Amino acid sequence: MPELRLLDPDGYVVPEGRITITPTTEPKAHADLRALARDHADRYAHAHYDHRNYRIVTT
């Protein structure tokens, strides 16, 4: 099954940033990962992380 991964600005997979998807769960998974990117960027604001620099990739 395909998997979505959330990558931080440095290219590392964010913890809890892996979601196995099906065609029906993909839109929700994208929304969940975008929310996780915002949370992660807020936690690492001291490192100047910005949620707009995160990427979602399919594997």
PDB file of N, CA and C in Angstrom:
ATOM      1  N   MET A   1       0.836  -1.185   0.000  1.00  0.00           N
ATOM      2  CA  MET A   1       0.000   0.000   0.000  1.00  0.00           C
ATOM      3  C   MET A   1       0.880   1.247   0.000  1.00  0.00           C
ATOM      4  N   PRO A   2       0.421   2.285  -0.662  1.00  0.00           N
ATOM      5  CA  PRO A   2       1.198   3.528  -0.673  1.00  0.00           C
ATOM      6  C   PRO A   2       1.219   4.170   0.712  1.00  0.00           C
ATOM      7  N   GLU A   3       2.229   4.977   0.912  1.00  0.00           N
ATOM      8  CA  GLU A   3       2.409   5.646   2.192  1.00  0.00           C
ATOM      9  C   GLU A   3       2.759   7.103   1.929  1.00  0.00           C
ATOM     10  N   LEU A   4       2.194   7.992   2.730  1.00  0.00           N
ATOM     11  CA  LEU A   4       2.568   9.392   2.682  1.00  0.00           C
ATOM     12  C   LEU A   4       3.552   9.648   3.814  1.00  0.00           C
ATOM     13  N   ARG A   5       4.559  10.469   3.521  1.00  0.00           N
ATOM     14  CA  ARG A   5       5.544  10.832   4.540  1.00  0.00           C
ATOM     15  C   ARG A   5       5.686  12.345   4.560  1.00  0.00           C
ATOM     16  N   LEU A   6       5.767  12.863   5.762  1.00  0.00           N
ATOM     17  CA  LEU A   6       5.984  14.291   5.943  1.00  0.00           C
ATOM     18  C   LEU A   6       7.465  14.519   6.197  1.00  0.00           C
ATOM     19  N   LEU A   7       8.082  15.327   5.334  1.00  0.00           N
ATOM     20  CA  LEU A   7       9.505  15.637   5.460  1.00  0.00           C
ATOM     21  C   LEU A   7       9.671  17.056   5.984  1.00  0.00           C
ATOM     22  N   ASP A   8      10.550  17.206   6.972  1.00  0.00           N
ATOM     23  CA  ASP A   8      10.823  18.534   7.509  1.00  0.00           C
ATOM     24  C   ASP A   8      11.716  19.303   6.534  1.00  0.00           C
ATOM     25  N   PRO A   9      11.978  20.584   6.807  1.00  0.00           N
ATOM     26  CA  PRO A   9      12.801  21.374   5.876  1.00  0.00           C
ATOM     27  C   PRO A   9      14.196  20.806   5.636  1.00  0.00           C
ATOM     28  N   ASP A  10      14.697  19.985   6.549  1.00  0.00           N
ATOM     29  CA  ASP A  10      16.008  19.376   6.362  1.00  0.00           C
ATOM     30  C   ASP A  10      15.941  18.048   5.616  1.00  0.00           C
ATOM     31  N   GLY A  11      14.733  17.608   5.267  1.00  0.00           N
ATOM     32  CA  GLY A  11      14.571  16.378   4.507  1.00  0.00           C
ATOM     33  C   GLY A  11      14.376  15.122   5.335  1.00  0.00           C
ATOM     34  N   TYR A  12      14.218  15.269   6.650  1.00  0.00           N
ATOM     35  CA  TYR A  12      14.012  14.109   7.518  1.00  0.00           C
ATOM     36  C   TYR A  12      12.519  13.846   7.707  1.00  0.00           C
ATOM     37  N   VAL A  13      12.169  12.577   7.861  1.00  0.00           N
ATOM     38  CA  VAL A  13      10.771  12.220   8.112  1.00  0.00           C
ATOM     39  C   VAL A  13      10.416  12.657   9.524  1.00  0.00           C
ATOM     40  N   VAL A  14       9.323  13.391   9.649  1.00  0.00           N
ATOM     41  CA  VAL A  14       8.847  13.847  10.948  1.00  0.00           C
ATOM     42  C   VAL A  14       8.310  12.641  11.721  1.00  0.00           C
ATOM     43  N   PRO A  15       8.649  12.532  13.012  1.00  0.00           N
ATOM     44  CA  PRO A  15       8.065  11.446  13.807  1.00  0.00           C
ATOM     45  C   PRO A  15       6.535  11.516  13.711  1.00  0.00           C
ATOM     46  N   GLU A  16       5.911  10.395  13.581  1.00  0.00           N
ATOM     47  CA  GLU A  16       4.459  10.269  13.374  1.00  0.00           C
ATOM     48  C   GLU A  16       4.026  10.825  12.024  1.00  0.00           C
ATOM     49  N   GLY A  17       4.962  11.064  11.129  1.00  0.00           N
ATOM     50  CA  GLY A  17       4.658  11.644   9.840  1.00  0.00           C
ATOM     51  C   GLY A  17       4.561  10.635   8.718  1.00  0.00           C
ATOM     52  N   ARG A  18       4.213   9.392   9.064  1.00  0.00           N
ATOM     53  CA  ARG A  18       4.023   8.345   8.052  1.00  0.00           C
ATOM     54  C   ARG A  18       2.602   7.819   8.167  1.00  0.00           C
ATOM     55  N   ILE A  19       1.899   7.824   7.045  1.00  0.00           N
ATOM     56  CA  ILE A  19       0.516   7.343   7.033  1.00  0.00           C
ATOM     57  C   ILE A  19       0.325   6.451   5.817  1.00  0.00           C
ATOM     58  N   THR A  20      -0.102   5.222   6.048  1.00  0.00           N
ATOM     59  CA  THR A  20      -0.472   4.326   4.947  1.00  0.00           C
ATOM     60  C   THR A  20      -1.849   4.759   4.462  1.00  0.00           C
ATOM     61  N   ILE A  21      -1.994   4.845   3.145  1.00  0.00           N
ATOM     62  CA  ILE A  21      -3.228   5.402   2.591  1.00  0.00           C
ATOM     63  C   ILE A  21      -3.922   4.433   1.637  1.00  0.00           C
ATOM     64  N   THR A  22      -5.190   4.698   1.445  1.00  0.00           N
ATOM     65  CA  THR A  22      -6.006   4.096   0.391  1.00  0.00           C
ATOM     66  C   THR A  22      -6.592   5.276  -0.383  1.00  0.00           C
ATOM     67  N   PRO A  23      -7.192   5.036  -1.534  1.00  0.00           N
ATOM     68  CA  PRO A  23      -7.767   6.170  -2.274  1.00  0.00           C
ATOM     69  C   PRO A  23      -8.794   6.972  -1.467  1.00  0.00           C
ATOM     70  N   THR A  24      -9.511   6.318  -0.585  1.00  0.00           N
ATOM     71  CA  THR A  24     -10.522   7.046   0.185  1.00  0.00           C
ATOM     72  C   THR A  24      -9.942   7.788   1.385  1.00  0.00           C
ATOM     73  N   THR A  25      -8.783   7.382   1.877  1.00  0.00           N
ATOM     74  CA  THR A  25      -8.198   8.041   3.052  1.00  0.00           C
ATOM     75  C   THR A  25      -7.156   9.089   2.691  1.00  0.00           C
ATOM     76  N   GLU A  26      -6.786   9.169   1.430  1.00  0.00           N
ATOM     77  CA  GLU A  26      -5.714  10.086   1.038  1.00  0.00           C
ATOM     78  C   GLU A  26      -6.010  11.554   1.343  1.00  0.00           C
ATOM     79  N   PRO A  27      -7.205  12.084   1.037  1.00  0.00           N
ATOM     80  CA  PRO A  27      -7.449  13.509   1.340  1.00  0.00           C
ATOM     81  C   PRO A  27      -7.324  13.829   2.833  1.00  0.00           C
ATOM     82  N   LYS A  28      -7.848  12.970   3.684  1.00  0.00           N
ATOM     83  CA  LYS A  28      -7.746  13.203   5.129  1.00  0.00           C
ATOM     84  C   LYS A  28      -6.300  13.088   5.585  1.00  0.00           C
ATOM     85  N   ALA A  29      -5.564  12.151   5.031  1.00  0.00           N
ATOM     86  CA  ALA A  29      -4.157  11.986   5.394  1.00  0.00           C
ATOM     87  C   ALA A  29      -3.353  13.235   5.045  1.00  0.00           C
ATOM     88  N   HIS A  30      -3.617  13.824   3.885  1.00  0.00           N
ATOM     89  CA  HIS A  30      -2.929  15.064   3.503  1.00  0.00           C
ATOM     90  C   HIS A  30      -3.243  16.173   4.499  1.00  0.00           C
ATOM     91  N   ALA A  31      -4.517  16.296   4.867  1.00  0.00           N
ATOM     92  CA  ALA A  31      -4.916  17.328   5.832  1.00  0.00           C
ATOM     93  C   ALA A  31      -4.252  17.091   7.188  1.00  0.00           C
ATOM     94  N   ASP A  32      -4.203  15.836   7.623  1.00  0.00           N
ATOM     95  CA  ASP A  32      -3.568  15.498   8.894  1.00  0.00           C
ATOM     96  C   ASP A  32      -2.076  15.830   8.878  1.00  0.00           C
ATOM     97  N   LEU A  33      -1.414  15.546   7.768  1.00  0.00           N
ATOM     98  CA  LEU A  33       0.023  15.831   7.678  1.00  0.00           C
ATOM     99  C   LEU A  33       0.295  17.331   7.616  1.00  0.00           C
ATOM    100  N   ARG A  34      -0.592  18.083   6.965  1.00  0.00           N
ATOM    101  CA  ARG A  34      -0.416  19.541   6.957  1.00  0.00           C
ATOM    102  C   ARG A  34      -0.556  20.102   8.378  1.00  0.00           C
ATOM    103  N   ALA A  35      -1.504  19.552   9.147  1.00  0.00           N
ATOM    104  CA  ALA A  35      -1.665  19.978  10.544  1.00  0.00           C
ATOM    105  C   ALA A  35      -0.431  19.589  11.368  1.00  0.00           C
ATOM    106  N   LEU A  36       0.097  18.400  11.128  1.00  0.00           N
ATOM    107  CA  LEU A  36       1.297  17.956  11.830  1.00  0.00           C
ATOM    108  C   LEU A  36       2.482  18.865  11.484  1.00  0.00           C
ATOM    109  N   ALA A  37       2.576  19.298  10.239  1.00  0.00           N
ATOM    110  CA  ALA A  37       3.652  20.209   9.833  1.00  0.00           C
ATOM    111  C   ALA A  37       3.585  21.508  10.627  1.00  0.00           C
ATOM    112  N   ARG A  38       2.380  22.046  10.808  1.00  0.00           N
ATOM    113  CA  ARG A  38       2.223  23.272  11.598  1.00  0.00           C
ATOM    114  C   ARG A  38       2.661  23.053  13.043  1.00  0.00           C
ATOM    115  N   ASP A  39       2.231  21.937  13.635  1.00  0.00           N
ATOM    116  CA  ASP A  39       2.616  21.617  15.015  1.00  0.00           C
ATOM    117  C   ASP A  39       4.125  21.462  15.148  1.00  0.00           C
ATOM    118  N   HIS A  40       4.702  20.712  14.237  1.00  0.00           N
ATOM    119  CA  HIS A  40       6.138  20.443  14.290  1.00  0.00           C
ATOM    120  C   HIS A  40       6.924  21.746  14.114  1.00  0.00           C
ATOM    121  N   ALA A  41       6.506  22.572  13.171  1.00  0.00           N
ATOM    122  CA  ALA A  41       7.192  23.847  12.947  1.00  0.00           C
ATOM    123  C   ALA A  41       7.085  24.743  14.175  1.00  0.00           C
ATOM    124  N   ASP A  42       5.945  24.728  14.843  1.00  0.00           N
ATOM    125  CA  ASP A  42       5.785  25.521  16.064  1.00  0.00           C
ATOM    126  C   ASP A  42       6.727  25.033  17.160  1.00  0.00           C
ATOM    127  N   ARG A  43       6.849  23.716  17.299  1.00  0.00           N
ATOM    128  CA  ARG A  43       7.726  23.148  18.325  1.00  0.00           C
ATOM    129  C   ARG A  43       9.185  23.481  18.067  1.00  0.00           C
ATOM    130  N   TYR A  44       9.553  23.621  16.800  1.00  0.00           N
ATOM    131  CA  TYR A  44      10.946  23.866  16.440  1.00  0.00           C
ATOM    132  C   TYR A  44      11.135  25.268  15.848  1.00  0.00           C
ATOM    133  N   ALA A  45      10.337  26.194  16.328  1.00  0.00           N
ATOM    134  CA  ALA A  45      10.449  27.577  15.852  1.00  0.00           C
ATOM    135  C   ALA A  45      11.838  28.154  16.143  1.00  0.00           C
ATOM    136  N   HIS A  46      12.460  27.684  17.222  1.00  0.00           N
ATOM    137  CA  HIS A  46      13.808  28.169  17.559  1.00  0.00           C
ATOM    138  C   HIS A  46      14.825  27.819  16.467  1.00  0.00           C
ATOM    139  N   ALA A  47      14.508  26.808  15.659  1.00  0.00           N
ATOM    140  CA  ALA A  47      15.386  26.425  14.547  1.00  0.00           C
ATOM    141  C   ALA A  47      14.931  27.074  13.241  1.00  0.00           C
ATOM    142  N   HIS A  48      13.981  28.007  13.365  1.00  0.00           N
ATOM    143  CA  HIS A  48      13.449  28.759  12.217  1.00  0.00           C
ATOM    144  C   HIS A  48      12.710  27.877  11.213  1.00  0.00           C
ATOM    145  N   TYR A  49      12.072  26.812  11.704  1.00  0.00           N
ATOM    146  CA  TYR A  49      11.265  25.974  10.827  1.00  0.00           C
ATOM    147  C   TYR A  49       9.972  26.699  10.482  1.00  0.00           C
ATOM    148  N   ASP A  50       9.544  26.540   9.253  1.00  0.00           N
ATOM    149  CA  ASP A  50       8.314  27.141   8.759  1.00  0.00           C
ATOM    150  C   ASP A  50       7.502  26.037   8.104  1.00  0.00           C
ATOM    151  N   HIS A  51       6.232  25.930   8.460  1.00  0.00           N
ATOM    152  CA  HIS A  51       5.404  24.836   7.941  1.00  0.00           C
ATOM    153  C   HIS A  51       5.307  24.845   6.414  1.00  0.00           C
ATOM    154  N   ARG A  52       5.530  25.980   5.803  1.00  0.00           N
ATOM    155  CA  ARG A  52       5.454  26.057   4.329  1.00  0.00           C
ATOM    156  C   ARG A  52       6.629  25.369   3.654  1.00  0.00           C
ATOM    157  N   ASN A  53       7.678  25.045   4.425  1.00  0.00           N
ATOM    158  CA  ASN A  53       8.852  24.386   3.856  1.00  0.00           C
ATOM    159  C   ASN A  53       8.835  22.870   4.029  1.00  0.00           C
ATOM    160  N   TYR A  54       7.753  22.334   4.563  1.00  0.00           N
ATOM    161  CA  TYR A  54       7.610  20.890   4.712  1.00  0.00           C
ATOM    162  C   TYR A  54       7.053  20.313   3.408  1.00  0.00           C
ATOM    163  N   ARG A  55       7.394  19.046   3.150  1.00  0.00           N
ATOM    164  CA  ARG A  55       6.900  18.392   1.940  1.00  0.00           C
ATOM    165  C   ARG A  55       6.206  17.083   2.321  1.00  0.00           C
ATOM    166  N   ILE A  56       5.198  16.747   1.555  1.00  0.00           N
ATOM    167  CA  ILE A  56       4.522  15.461   1.684  1.00  0.00           C
ATOM    168  C   ILE A  56       4.905  14.659   0.447  1.00  0.00           C
ATOM    169  N   VAL A  57       5.493  13.487   0.661  1.00  0.00           N
ATOM    170  CA  VAL A  57       5.901  12.639  -0.457  1.00  0.00           C
ATOM    171  C   VAL A  57       5.169  11.299  -0.371  1.00  0.00           C
ATOM    172  N   THR A  58       4.975  10.697  -1.515  1.00  0.00           N
ATOM    173  CA  THR A  58       4.337   9.392  -1.590  1.00  0.00           C
ATOM    174  C   THR A  58       5.406   8.339  -1.848  1.00  0.00           C
ATOM    175  N   THR A  59       5.342   7.244  -1.104  1.00  0.00           N
ATOM    176  CA  THR A  59       6.297   6.155  -1.322  1.00  0.00           C
ATOM    177  C   THR A  59       5.546   4.885  -1.649  1.00  0.00           C
TER     178      THR A  59
END
